[in-house]
């Protein structure tokens, strides 16, 4: 039995194809074939570059995007800020507030690069 992968022009692997017949008998959508020794288990983690199968680990997210994902929603931030002001967190004391600590935790977790 022969094993192939069908991949698109960007190298994204679309599917495994296993056949005991000639590959030319298989109707193909847009894409290219690469003969392989065994089917690929997790095609989402691989891609084809210059006829070779390579890992396609995603690019790490930027610090600002990570911060964006972790910041509390604006409604929660405003609620924290209101309660902190209501409790008298002003000046240097503001650095002890829930709002300040929540934002500082995220900024520390994802420093500017």
PDB file of N, CA and C in Angstrom:
ATOM      1  N   UNK A   1       0.835  -1.165   0.000  1.00  0.00           N
ATOM      2  CA  UNK A   1       0.000   0.000   0.000  1.00  0.00           C
ATOM      3  C   UNK A   1       0.892   1.245   0.000  1.00  0.00           C
ATOM      4  N   UNK A   2       0.506   2.223  -0.786  1.00  0.00           N
ATOM      5  CA  UNK A   2       1.243   3.477  -0.853  1.00  0.00           C
ATOM      6  C   UNK A   2       0.536   4.524   0.006  1.00  0.00           C
ATOM      7  N   UNK A   3       1.338   5.439   0.558  1.00  0.00           N
ATOM      8  CA  UNK A   3       0.802   6.516   1.379  1.00  0.00           C
ATOM      9  C   UNK A   3       1.239   7.845   0.785  1.00  0.00           C
ATOM     10  N   UNK A   4       0.312   8.782   0.775  1.00  0.00           N
ATOM     11  CA  UNK A   4       0.567  10.118   0.241  1.00  0.00           C
ATOM     12  C   UNK A   4      -0.079  11.139   1.169  1.00  0.00           C
ATOM     13  N   UNK A   5       0.365  12.367   1.021  1.00  0.00           N
ATOM     14  CA  UNK A   5      -0.359  13.475   1.622  1.00  0.00           C
ATOM     15  C   UNK A   5      -0.704  14.450   0.514  1.00  0.00           C
ATOM     16  N   UNK A   6      -1.869  15.029   0.638  1.00  0.00           N
ATOM     17  CA  UNK A   6      -2.298  16.075  -0.272  1.00  0.00           C
ATOM     18  C   UNK A   6      -2.092  17.389   0.464  1.00  0.00           C
ATOM     19  N   UNK A   7      -1.398  18.338  -0.169  1.00  0.00           N
ATOM     20  CA  UNK A   7      -1.147  19.624   0.478  1.00  0.00           C
ATOM     21  C   UNK A   7      -1.396  20.750  -0.501  1.00  0.00           C
ATOM     22  N   UNK A   8      -1.670  21.948   0.052  1.00  0.00           N
ATOM     23  CA  UNK A   8      -1.971  23.095  -0.803  1.00  0.00           C
ATOM     24  C   UNK A   8      -0.700  23.880  -1.123  1.00  0.00           C
ATOM     25  N   UNK A   9      -0.852  24.976  -1.854  1.00  0.00           N
ATOM     26  CA  UNK A   9       0.306  25.754  -2.303  1.00  0.00           C
ATOM     27  C   UNK A   9       1.062  26.408  -1.158  1.00  0.00           C
ATOM     28  N   UNK A  10       0.426  26.537   0.019  1.00  0.00           N
ATOM     29  CA  UNK A  10       1.091  27.114   1.191  1.00  0.00           C
ATOM     30  C   UNK A  10       1.754  26.050   2.058  1.00  0.00           C
ATOM     31  N   UNK A  11       1.666  24.800   1.644  1.00  0.00           N
ATOM     32  CA  UNK A  11       2.277  23.711   2.397  1.00  0.00           C
ATOM     33  C   UNK A  11       1.374  23.103   3.445  1.00  0.00           C
ATOM     34  N   UNK A  12       0.158  23.628   3.587  1.00  0.00           N
ATOM     35  CA  UNK A  12      -0.772  23.077   4.566  1.00  0.00           C
ATOM     36  C   UNK A  12      -1.213  21.695   4.114  1.00  0.00           C
ATOM     37  N   UNK A  13      -1.077  20.728   4.998  1.00  0.00           N
ATOM     38  CA  UNK A  13      -1.460  19.354   4.666  1.00  0.00           C
ATOM     39  C   UNK A  13      -2.976  19.228   4.776  1.00  0.00           C
ATOM     40  N   UNK A  14      -3.598  18.799   3.682  1.00  0.00           N
ATOM     41  CA  UNK A  14      -5.048  18.718   3.621  1.00  0.00           C
ATOM     42  C   UNK A  14      -5.569  17.358   4.053  1.00  0.00           C
ATOM     43  N   UNK A  15      -4.869  16.286   3.639  1.00  0.00           N
ATOM     44  CA  UNK A  15      -5.319  14.955   4.026  1.00  0.00           C
ATOM     45  C   UNK A  15      -4.277  13.904   3.714  1.00  0.00           C
ATOM     46  N   UNK A  16      -4.410  12.778   4.403  1.00  0.00           N
ATOM     47  CA  UNK A  16      -3.636  11.581   4.112  1.00  0.00           C
ATOM     48  C   UNK A  16      -4.397  10.785   3.065  1.00  0.00           C
ATOM     49  N   UNK A  17      -3.658  10.152   2.172  1.00  0.00           N
ATOM     50  CA  UNK A  17      -4.273   9.270   1.176  1.00  0.00           C
ATOM     51  C   UNK A  17      -3.488   7.970   1.189  1.00  0.00           C
ATOM     52  N   UNK A  18      -4.180   6.867   1.391  1.00  0.00           N
ATOM     53  CA  UNK A  18      -3.549   5.550   1.329  1.00  0.00           C
ATOM     54  C   UNK A  18      -4.243   4.766   0.234  1.00  0.00           C
ATOM     55  N   UNK A  19      -3.451   4.148  -0.614  1.00  0.00           N
ATOM     56  CA  UNK A  19      -4.054   3.434  -1.730  1.00  0.00           C
ATOM     57  C   UNK A  19      -3.192   2.248  -2.137  1.00  0.00           C
ATOM     58  N   UNK A  20      -3.846   1.226  -2.577  1.00  0.00           N
ATOM     59  CA  UNK A  20      -3.124   0.088  -3.134  1.00  0.00           C
ATOM     60  C   UNK A  20      -3.165   0.160  -4.655  1.00  0.00           C
ATOM     61  N   UNK A  21      -3.839   1.172  -5.178  1.00  0.00           N
ATOM     62  CA  UNK A  21      -3.913   1.349  -6.623  1.00  0.00           C
ATOM     63  C   UNK A  21      -3.016   2.504  -7.036  1.00  0.00           C
ATOM     64  N   UNK A  22      -2.931   2.705  -8.307  1.00  0.00           N
ATOM     65  CA  UNK A  22      -2.127   3.801  -8.829  1.00  0.00           C
ATOM     66  C   UNK A  22      -2.735   5.129  -8.384  1.00  0.00           C
ATOM     67  N   UNK A  23      -1.919   6.043  -7.890  1.00  0.00           N
ATOM     68  CA  UNK A  23      -2.389   7.330  -7.398  1.00  0.00           C
ATOM     69  C   UNK A  23      -3.055   8.145  -8.500  1.00  0.00           C
ATOM     70  N   UNK A  24      -2.733   7.880  -9.714  1.00  0.00           N
ATOM     71  CA  UNK A  24      -3.321   8.639 -10.810  1.00  0.00           C
ATOM     72  C   UNK A  24      -4.817   8.379 -10.950  1.00  0.00           C
ATOM     73  N   UNK A  25      -5.301   7.316 -10.338  1.00  0.00           N
ATOM     74  CA  UNK A  25      -6.724   7.010 -10.407  1.00  0.00           C
ATOM     75  C   UNK A  25      -7.549   7.794  -9.395  1.00  0.00           C
ATOM     76  N   UNK A  26      -6.887   8.542  -8.510  1.00  0.00           N
ATOM     77  CA  UNK A  26      -7.601   9.289  -7.479  1.00  0.00           C
ATOM     78  C   UNK A  26      -7.854  10.705  -7.983  1.00  0.00           C
ATOM     79  N   UNK A  27      -9.106  11.126  -8.045  1.00  0.00           N
ATOM     80  CA  UNK A  27      -9.375  12.507  -8.459  1.00  0.00           C
ATOM     81  C   UNK A  27      -8.900  13.472  -7.374  1.00  0.00           C
ATOM     82  N   UNK A  28      -8.167  14.478  -7.762  1.00  0.00           N
ATOM     83  CA  UNK A  28      -7.607  15.423  -6.801  1.00  0.00           C
ATOM     84  C   UNK A  28      -8.256  16.789  -6.939  1.00  0.00           C
ATOM     85  N   UNK A  29      -8.411  17.436  -5.824  1.00  0.00           N
ATOM     86  CA  UNK A  29      -8.780  18.827  -5.830  1.00  0.00           C
ATOM     87  C   UNK A  29      -7.485  19.603  -6.037  1.00  0.00           C
ATOM     88  N   UNK A  30      -7.537  20.911  -5.905  1.00  0.00           N
ATOM     89  CA  UNK A  30      -6.309  21.667  -6.050  1.00  0.00           C
ATOM     90  C   UNK A  30      -5.332  21.257  -4.961  1.00  0.00           C
ATOM     91  N   UNK A  31      -4.118  20.963  -5.327  1.00  0.00           N
ATOM     92  CA  UNK A  31      -3.104  20.570  -4.358  1.00  0.00           C
ATOM     93  C   UNK A  31      -2.057  19.694  -5.000  1.00  0.00           C
ATOM     94  N   UNK A  32      -1.078  19.357  -4.199  1.00  0.00           N
ATOM     95  CA  UNK A  32       0.004  18.514  -4.680  1.00  0.00           C
ATOM     96  C   UNK A  32       0.122  17.294  -3.791  1.00  0.00           C
ATOM     97  N   UNK A  33       0.702  16.242  -4.341  1.00  0.00           N
ATOM     98  CA  UNK A  33       0.884  15.000  -3.602  1.00  0.00           C
ATOM     99  C   UNK A  33       2.346  14.804  -3.260  1.00  0.00           C
ATOM    100  N   UNK A  34       2.555  14.196  -2.100  1.00  0.00           N
ATOM    101  CA  UNK A  34       3.898  13.819  -1.689  1.00  0.00           C
ATOM    102  C   UNK A  34       3.807  12.401  -1.165  1.00  0.00           C
ATOM    103  N   UNK A  35       4.617  11.501  -1.716  1.00  0.00           N
ATOM    104  CA  UNK A  35       4.616  10.124  -1.232  1.00  0.00           C
ATOM    105  C   UNK A  35       5.359  10.067   0.092  1.00  0.00           C
ATOM    106  N   UNK A  36       4.773   9.372   1.068  1.00  0.00           N
ATOM    107  CA  UNK A  36       5.358   9.256   2.400  1.00  0.00           C
ATOM    108  C   UNK A  36       5.356   7.794   2.813  1.00  0.00           C
ATOM    109  N   UNK A  37       6.139   7.470   3.830  1.00  0.00           N
ATOM    110  CA  UNK A  37       6.221   6.073   4.246  1.00  0.00           C
ATOM    111  C   UNK A  37       5.040   5.656   5.121  1.00  0.00           C
ATOM    112  N   UNK A  38       4.523   6.560   5.937  1.00  0.00           N
ATOM    113  CA  UNK A  38       3.384   6.271   6.815  1.00  0.00           C
ATOM    114  C   UNK A  38       2.480   7.492   6.876  1.00  0.00           C
ATOM    115  N   UNK A  39       1.188   7.290   7.107  1.00  0.00           N
ATOM    116  CA  UNK A  39       0.297   8.448   7.251  1.00  0.00           C
ATOM    117  C   UNK A  39       0.748   9.334   8.412  1.00  0.00           C
ATOM    118  N   UNK A  40       0.467  10.613   8.313  1.00  0.00           N
ATOM    119  CA  UNK A  40       0.821  11.557   9.366  1.00  0.00           C
ATOM    120  C   UNK A  40      -0.309  11.582  10.386  1.00  0.00           C
ATOM    121  N   UNK A  41       0.049  11.416  11.639  1.00  0.00           N
ATOM    122  CA  UNK A  41      -0.950  11.323  12.699  1.00  0.00           C
ATOM    123  C   UNK A  41      -1.690  12.659  12.891  1.00  0.00           C
ATOM    124  N   UNK A  42      -0.961  13.746  13.127  1.00  0.00           N
ATOM    125  CA  UNK A  42      -1.606  15.037  13.387  1.00  0.00           C
ATOM    126  C   UNK A  42      -1.186  16.026  12.308  1.00  0.00           C
ATOM    127  N   UNK A  43      -1.970  16.096  11.248  1.00  0.00           N
ATOM    128  CA  UNK A  43      -1.589  16.927  10.103  1.00  0.00           C
ATOM    129  C   UNK A  43      -1.603  18.412  10.430  1.00  0.00           C
ATOM    130  N   UNK A  44      -2.310  18.808  11.503  1.00  0.00           N
ATOM    131  CA  UNK A  44      -2.365  20.230  11.865  1.00  0.00           C
ATOM    132  C   UNK A  44      -1.022  20.738  12.375  1.00  0.00           C
ATOM    133  N   UNK A  45      -0.148  19.841  12.830  1.00  0.00           N
ATOM    134  CA  UNK A  45       1.145  20.250  13.387  1.00  0.00           C
ATOM    135  C   UNK A  45       2.286  20.138  12.386  1.00  0.00           C
ATOM    136  N   UNK A  46       1.979  19.789  11.151  1.00  0.00           N
ATOM    137  CA  UNK A  46       3.004  19.617  10.124  1.00  0.00           C
ATOM    138  C   UNK A  46       2.649  20.424   8.883  1.00  0.00           C
ATOM    139  N   UNK A  47       3.648  20.684   8.060  1.00  0.00           N
ATOM    140  CA  UNK A  47       3.411  21.289   6.757  1.00  0.00           C
ATOM    141  C   UNK A  47       4.505  20.822   5.818  1.00  0.00           C
ATOM    142  N   UNK A  48       4.338  21.121   4.527  1.00  0.00           N
ATOM    143  CA  UNK A  48       5.310  20.717   3.518  1.00  0.00           C
ATOM    144  C   UNK A  48       6.054  21.959   3.037  1.00  0.00           C
ATOM    145  N   UNK A  49       7.375  21.895   3.101  1.00  0.00           N
ATOM    146  CA  UNK A  49       8.233  22.979   2.623  1.00  0.00           C
ATOM    147  C   UNK A  49       9.288  22.355   1.721  1.00  0.00           C
ATOM    148  N   UNK A  50       9.326  22.789   0.472  1.00  0.00           N
ATOM    149  CA  UNK A  50      10.280  22.265  -0.510  1.00  0.00           C
ATOM    150  C   UNK A  50      10.284  20.740  -0.571  1.00  0.00           C
ATOM    151  N   UNK A  51       9.088  20.162  -0.540  1.00  0.00           N
ATOM    152  CA  UNK A  51       8.962  18.715  -0.660  1.00  0.00           C
ATOM    153  C   UNK A  51       9.306  17.939   0.594  1.00  0.00           C
ATOM    154  N   UNK A  52       9.534  18.631   1.714  1.00  0.00           N
ATOM    155  CA  UNK A  52       9.856  17.975   2.978  1.00  0.00           C
ATOM    156  C   UNK A  52       8.775  18.299   4.011  1.00  0.00           C
ATOM    157  N   UNK A  53       8.475  17.347   4.867  1.00  0.00           N
ATOM    158  CA  UNK A  53       7.513  17.557   5.934  1.00  0.00           C
ATOM    159  C   UNK A  53       8.252  18.175   7.117  1.00  0.00           C
ATOM    160  N   UNK A  54       7.747  19.300   7.597  1.00  0.00           N
ATOM    161  CA  UNK A  54       8.369  19.995   8.726  1.00  0.00           C
ATOM    162  C   UNK A  54       7.305  20.332   9.767  1.00  0.00           C
ATOM    163  N   UNK A  55       7.763  20.609  10.992  1.00  0.00           N
ATOM    164  CA  UNK A  55       6.845  21.052  12.039  1.00  0.00           C
ATOM    165  C   UNK A  55       6.331  22.434  11.690  1.00  0.00           C
ATOM    166  N   UNK A  56       5.090  22.685  12.015  1.00  0.00           N
ATOM    167  CA  UNK A  56       4.516  24.005  11.752  1.00  0.00           C
ATOM    168  C   UNK A  56       4.042  24.621  13.055  1.00  0.00           C
ATOM    169  N   UNK A  57       4.964  24.716  14.011  1.00  0.00           N
ATOM    170  CA  UNK A  57       4.619  25.312  15.296  1.00  0.00           C
ATOM    171  C   UNK A  57       4.160  26.743  15.073  1.00  0.00           C
ATOM    172  N   UNK A  58       3.093  27.118  15.729  1.00  0.00           N
ATOM    173  CA  UNK A  58       2.613  28.489  15.548  1.00  0.00           C
ATOM    174  C   UNK A  58       3.608  29.493  16.108  1.00  0.00           C
ATOM    175  N   UNK A  59       3.616  30.683  15.522  1.00  0.00           N
ATOM    176  CA  UNK A  59       4.458  31.762  16.015  1.00  0.00           C
ATOM    177  C   UNK A  59       3.970  32.149  17.403  1.00  0.00           C
ATOM    178  N   UNK A  60       4.896  32.448  18.318  1.00  0.00           N
ATOM    179  CA  UNK A  60       4.440  32.897  19.634  1.00  0.00           C
ATOM    180  C   UNK A  60       3.697  34.224  19.516  1.00  0.00           C
ATOM    181  N   UNK A  61       2.717  34.407  20.364  1.00  0.00           N
ATOM    182  CA  UNK A  61       1.941  35.637  20.343  1.00  0.00           C
ATOM    183  C   UNK A  61       2.772  36.780  20.916  1.00  0.00           C
ATOM    184  N   UNK A  62       2.548  37.984  20.431  1.00  0.00           N
ATOM    185  CA  UNK A  62       3.280  39.144  20.923  1.00  0.00           C
ATOM    186  C   UNK A  62       2.807  39.488  22.335  1.00  0.00           C
ATOM    187  N   UNK A  63       3.656  40.216  23.076  1.00  0.00           N
ATOM    188  CA  UNK A  63       3.315  40.563  24.451  1.00  0.00           C
ATOM    189  C   UNK A  63       2.009  41.365  24.517  1.00  0.00           C
ATOM    190  N   UNK A  64       1.817  42.277  23.560  1.00  0.00           N
ATOM    191  CA  UNK A  64       0.619  43.113  23.629  1.00  0.00           C
ATOM    192  C   UNK A  64      -0.645  42.307  23.334  1.00  0.00           C
ATOM    193  N   UNK A  65      -0.542  41.315  22.447  1.00  0.00           N
ATOM    194  CA  UNK A  65      -1.716  40.486  22.179  1.00  0.00           C
ATOM    195  C   UNK A  65      -2.005  39.588  23.378  1.00  0.00           C
ATOM    196  N   UNK A  66      -0.954  39.036  24.016  1.00  0.00           N
ATOM    197  CA  UNK A  66      -1.154  38.235  25.230  1.00  0.00           C
ATOM    198  C   UNK A  66      -1.804  39.074  26.322  1.00  0.00           C
ATOM    199  N   UNK A  67      -1.348  40.321  26.471  1.00  0.00           N
ATOM    200  CA  UNK A  67      -1.958  41.208  27.460  1.00  0.00           C
ATOM    201  C   UNK A  67      -3.434  41.427  27.134  1.00  0.00           C
ATOM    202  N   UNK A  68      -3.710  41.702  25.870  1.00  0.00           N
ATOM    203  CA  UNK A  68      -5.089  41.923  25.433  1.00  0.00           C
ATOM    204  C   UNK A  68      -5.975  40.734  25.819  1.00  0.00           C
ATOM    205  N   UNK A  69      -5.469  39.511  25.629  1.00  0.00           N
ATOM    206  CA  UNK A  69      -6.262  38.317  25.942  1.00  0.00           C
ATOM    207  C   UNK A  69      -6.481  38.153  27.440  1.00  0.00           C
ATOM    208  N   UNK A  70      -5.523  38.615  28.271  1.00  0.00           N
ATOM    209  CA  UNK A  70      -5.606  38.411  29.714  1.00  0.00           C
ATOM    210  C   UNK A  70      -6.265  39.548  30.485  1.00  0.00           C
ATOM    211  N   UNK A  71      -6.258  40.766  29.946  1.00  0.00           N
ATOM    212  CA  UNK A  71      -6.864  41.877  30.676  1.00  0.00           C
ATOM    213  C   UNK A  71      -8.331  41.591  30.949  1.00  0.00           C
ATOM    214  N   UNK A  72      -8.798  41.975  32.147  1.00  0.00           N
ATOM    215  CA  UNK A  72     -10.244  41.857  32.387  1.00  0.00           C
ATOM    216  C   UNK A  72     -10.999  42.746  31.394  1.00  0.00           C
ATOM    217  N   UNK A  73     -12.241  42.398  31.123  1.00  0.00           N
ATOM    218  CA  UNK A  73     -13.017  43.228  30.199  1.00  0.00           C
ATOM    219  C   UNK A  73     -13.196  44.614  30.815  1.00  0.00           C
ATOM    220  N   UNK A  74     -13.423  45.609  29.974  1.00  0.00           N
ATOM    221  CA  UNK A  74     -13.499  47.002  30.411  1.00  0.00           C
ATOM    222  C   UNK A  74     -14.516  47.183  31.540  1.00  0.00           C
ATOM    223  N   UNK A  75     -15.653  46.533  31.439  1.00  0.00           N
ATOM    224  CA  UNK A  75     -16.691  46.649  32.477  1.00  0.00           C
ATOM    225  C   UNK A  75     -16.126  46.234  33.843  1.00  0.00           C
ATOM    226  N   UNK A  76     -15.341  45.146  33.878  1.00  0.00           N
ATOM    227  CA  UNK A  76     -14.744  44.696  35.137  1.00  0.00           C
ATOM    228  C   UNK A  76     -13.660  45.665  35.603  1.00  0.00           C
ATOM    229  N   UNK A  77     -12.865  46.187  34.658  1.00  0.00           N
ATOM    230  CA  UNK A  77     -11.825  47.146  35.032  1.00  0.00           C
ATOM    231  C   UNK A  77     -12.449  48.395  35.645  1.00  0.00           C
ATOM    232  N   UNK A  78     -13.529  48.889  35.025  1.00  0.00           N
ATOM    233  CA  UNK A  78     -14.184  50.082  35.558  1.00  0.00           C
ATOM    234  C   UNK A  78     -14.795  49.815  36.929  1.00  0.00           C
ATOM    235  N   UNK A  79     -15.331  48.615  37.114  1.00  0.00           N
ATOM    236  CA  UNK A  79     -15.877  48.249  38.423  1.00  0.00           C
ATOM    237  C   UNK A  79     -14.791  48.225  39.487  1.00  0.00           C
ATOM    238  N   UNK A  80     -13.640  47.625  39.164  1.00  0.00           N
ATOM    239  CA  UNK A  80     -12.528  47.607  40.111  1.00  0.00           C
ATOM    240  C   UNK A  80     -12.080  49.026  40.436  1.00  0.00           C
ATOM    241  N   UNK A  81     -11.959  49.843  39.408  1.00  0.00           N
ATOM    242  CA  UNK A  81     -11.500  51.219  39.582  1.00  0.00           C
ATOM    243  C   UNK A  81     -12.470  52.016  40.458  1.00  0.00           C
ATOM    244  N   UNK A  82     -13.764  51.869  40.215  1.00  0.00           N
ATOM    245  CA  UNK A  82     -14.762  52.580  41.009  1.00  0.00           C
ATOM    246  C   UNK A  82     -14.657  52.180  42.481  1.00  0.00           C
ATOM    247  N   UNK A  83     -14.590  50.861  42.743  1.00  0.00           N
ATOM    248  CA  UNK A  83     -14.493  50.389  44.133  1.00  0.00           C
ATOM    249  C   UNK A  83     -13.208  50.880  44.789  1.00  0.00           C
ATOM    250  N   UNK A  84     -12.112  50.887  44.038  1.00  0.00           N
ATOM    251  CA  UNK A  84     -10.846  51.372  44.585  1.00  0.00           C
ATOM    252  C   UNK A  84     -10.930  52.854  44.942  1.00  0.00           C
ATOM    253  N   UNK A  85     -11.529  53.662  44.079  1.00  0.00           N
ATOM    254  CA  UNK A  85     -11.692  55.093  44.357  1.00  0.00           C
ATOM    255  C   UNK A  85     -12.622  55.273  45.555  1.00  0.00           C
ATOM    256  N   UNK A  86     -13.706  54.493  45.590  1.00  0.00           N
ATOM    257  CA  UNK A  86     -14.665  54.573  46.687  1.00  0.00           C
ATOM    258  C   UNK A  86     -14.011  54.238  48.031  1.00  0.00           C
ATOM    259  N   UNK A  87     -12.999  53.369  48.002  1.00  0.00           N
ATOM    260  CA  UNK A  87     -12.297  52.978  49.228  1.00  0.00           C
ATOM    261  C   UNK A  87     -11.108  53.891  49.531  1.00  0.00           C
ATOM    262  N   UNK A  88     -10.914  54.920  48.716  1.00  0.00           N
ATOM    263  CA  UNK A  88      -9.890  55.913  49.011  1.00  0.00           C
ATOM    264  C   UNK A  88      -8.500  55.591  48.506  1.00  0.00           C
ATOM    265  N   UNK A  89      -8.374  54.795  47.501  1.00  0.00           N
ATOM    266  CA  UNK A  89      -7.051  54.493  46.945  1.00  0.00           C
ATOM    267  C   UNK A  89      -6.632  55.616  45.987  1.00  0.00           C
ATOM    268  N   UNK A  90      -5.837  56.552  46.516  1.00  0.00           N
ATOM    269  CA  UNK A  90      -5.334  57.664  45.717  1.00  0.00           C
ATOM    270  C   UNK A  90      -3.825  57.783  45.918  1.00  0.00           C
ATOM    271  N   UNK A  91      -3.151  58.488  45.019  1.00  0.00           N
ATOM    272  CA  UNK A  91      -1.713  58.726  45.151  1.00  0.00           C
ATOM    273  C   UNK A  91      -0.927  57.435  45.224  1.00  0.00           C
ATOM    274  N   UNK A  92       0.081  57.394  46.105  1.00  0.00           N
ATOM    275  CA  UNK A  92       0.903  56.183  46.251  1.00  0.00           C
ATOM    276  C   UNK A  92       0.081  54.998  46.747  1.00  0.00           C
ATOM    277  N   UNK A  93      -0.981  55.275  47.491  1.00  0.00           N
ATOM    278  CA  UNK A  93      -1.854  54.226  48.005  1.00  0.00           C
ATOM    279  C   UNK A  93      -2.580  53.496  46.873  1.00  0.00           C
ATOM    280  N   UNK A  94      -2.710  54.145  45.726  1.00  0.00           N
ATOM    281  CA  UNK A  94      -3.400  53.533  44.578  1.00  0.00           C
ATOM    282  C   UNK A  94      -2.699  52.257  44.110  1.00  0.00           C
ATOM    283  N   UNK A  95      -1.413  52.136  44.412  1.00  0.00           N
ATOM    284  CA  UNK A  95      -0.668  50.930  44.007  1.00  0.00           C
ATOM    285  C   UNK A  95      -1.059  49.710  44.838  1.00  0.00           C
ATOM    286  N   UNK A  96      -1.875  49.902  45.853  1.00  0.00           N
ATOM    287  CA  UNK A  96      -2.402  48.791  46.650  1.00  0.00           C
ATOM    288  C   UNK A  96      -3.811  48.403  46.205  1.00  0.00           C
ATOM    289  N   UNK A  97      -4.330  49.067  45.175  1.00  0.00           N
ATOM    290  CA  UNK A  97      -5.701  48.828  44.736  1.00  0.00           C
ATOM    291  C   UNK A  97      -5.815  47.556  43.899  1.00  0.00           C
ATOM    292  N   UNK A  98      -7.025  47.004  43.855  1.00  0.00           N
ATOM    293  CA  UNK A  98      -7.284  45.802  43.053  1.00  0.00           C
ATOM    294  C   UNK A  98      -7.033  46.070  41.574  1.00  0.00           C
ATOM    295  N   UNK A  99      -7.480  47.224  41.105  1.00  0.00           N
ATOM    296  CA  UNK A  99      -7.302  47.574  39.689  1.00  0.00           C
ATOM    297  C   UNK A  99      -5.814  47.594  39.333  1.00  0.00           C
ATOM    298  N   UNK A 100      -5.038  48.318  40.110  1.00  0.00           N
ATOM    299  CA  UNK A 100      -3.603  48.441  39.828  1.00  0.00           C
ATOM    300  C   UNK A 100      -2.927  47.078  39.858  1.00  0.00           C
ATOM    301  N   UNK A 101      -3.224  46.268  40.868  1.00  0.00           N
ATOM    302  CA  UNK A 101      -2.584  44.951  41.002  1.00  0.00           C
ATOM    303  C   UNK A 101      -2.985  44.012  39.855  1.00  0.00           C
ATOM    304  N   UNK A 102      -4.249  44.077  39.427  1.00  0.00           N
ATOM    305  CA  UNK A 102      -4.701  43.212  38.326  1.00  0.00           C
ATOM    306  C   UNK A 102      -3.966  43.546  37.028  1.00  0.00           C
ATOM    307  N   UNK A 103      -3.837  44.856  36.744  1.00  0.00           N
ATOM    308  CA  UNK A 103      -3.153  45.266  35.520  1.00  0.00           C
ATOM    309  C   UNK A 103      -1.650  44.988  35.633  1.00  0.00           C
ATOM    310  N   UNK A 104      -1.068  45.262  36.803  1.00  0.00           N
ATOM    311  CA  UNK A 104       0.363  45.029  37.011  1.00  0.00           C
ATOM    312  C   UNK A 104       0.717  43.551  36.835  1.00  0.00           C
ATOM    313  N   UNK A 105      -0.136  42.647  37.338  1.00  0.00           N
ATOM    314  CA  UNK A 105       0.117  41.205  37.181  1.00  0.00           C
ATOM    315  C   UNK A 105       0.252  40.828  35.709  1.00  0.00           C
ATOM    316  N   UNK A 106      -0.609  41.360  34.879  1.00  0.00           N
ATOM    317  CA  UNK A 106      -0.579  41.028  33.451  1.00  0.00           C
ATOM    318  C   UNK A 106       0.630  41.664  32.776  1.00  0.00           C
ATOM    319  N   UNK A 107       0.929  42.913  33.119  1.00  0.00           N
ATOM    320  CA  UNK A 107       2.094  43.579  32.537  1.00  0.00           C
ATOM    321  C   UNK A 107       3.383  42.874  32.944  1.00  0.00           C
ATOM    322  N   UNK A 108       3.435  42.327  34.154  1.00  0.00           N
ATOM    323  CA  UNK A 108       4.604  41.571  34.615  1.00  0.00           C
ATOM    324  C   UNK A 108       4.691  40.226  33.910  1.00  0.00           C
ATOM    325  N   UNK A 109       3.547  39.585  33.729  1.00  0.00           N
ATOM    326  CA  UNK A 109       3.494  38.281  33.061  1.00  0.00           C
ATOM    327  C   UNK A 109       3.952  38.369  31.606  1.00  0.00           C
ATOM    328  N   UNK A 110       3.587  39.468  30.937  1.00  0.00           N
ATOM    329  CA  UNK A 110       3.942  39.673  29.523  1.00  0.00           C
ATOM    330  C   UNK A 110       4.674  41.002  29.381  1.00  0.00           C
ATOM    331  N   UNK A 111       5.978  41.036  29.713  1.00  0.00           N
ATOM    332  CA  UNK A 111       6.724  42.304  29.627  1.00  0.00           C
ATOM    333  C   UNK A 111       6.894  42.745  28.180  1.00  0.00           C
ATOM    334  N   UNK A 112       7.072  44.057  28.014  1.00  0.00           N
ATOM    335  CA  UNK A 112       7.330  44.586  26.669  1.00  0.00           C
ATOM    336  C   UNK A 112       8.618  43.986  26.153  1.00  0.00           C
ATOM    337  N   UNK A 113       8.601  43.646  24.880  1.00  0.00           N
ATOM    338  CA  UNK A 113       9.811  43.063  24.282  1.00  0.00           C
ATOM    339  C   UNK A 113      10.407  44.007  23.281  1.00  0.00           C
TER     340      UNK A 113
END
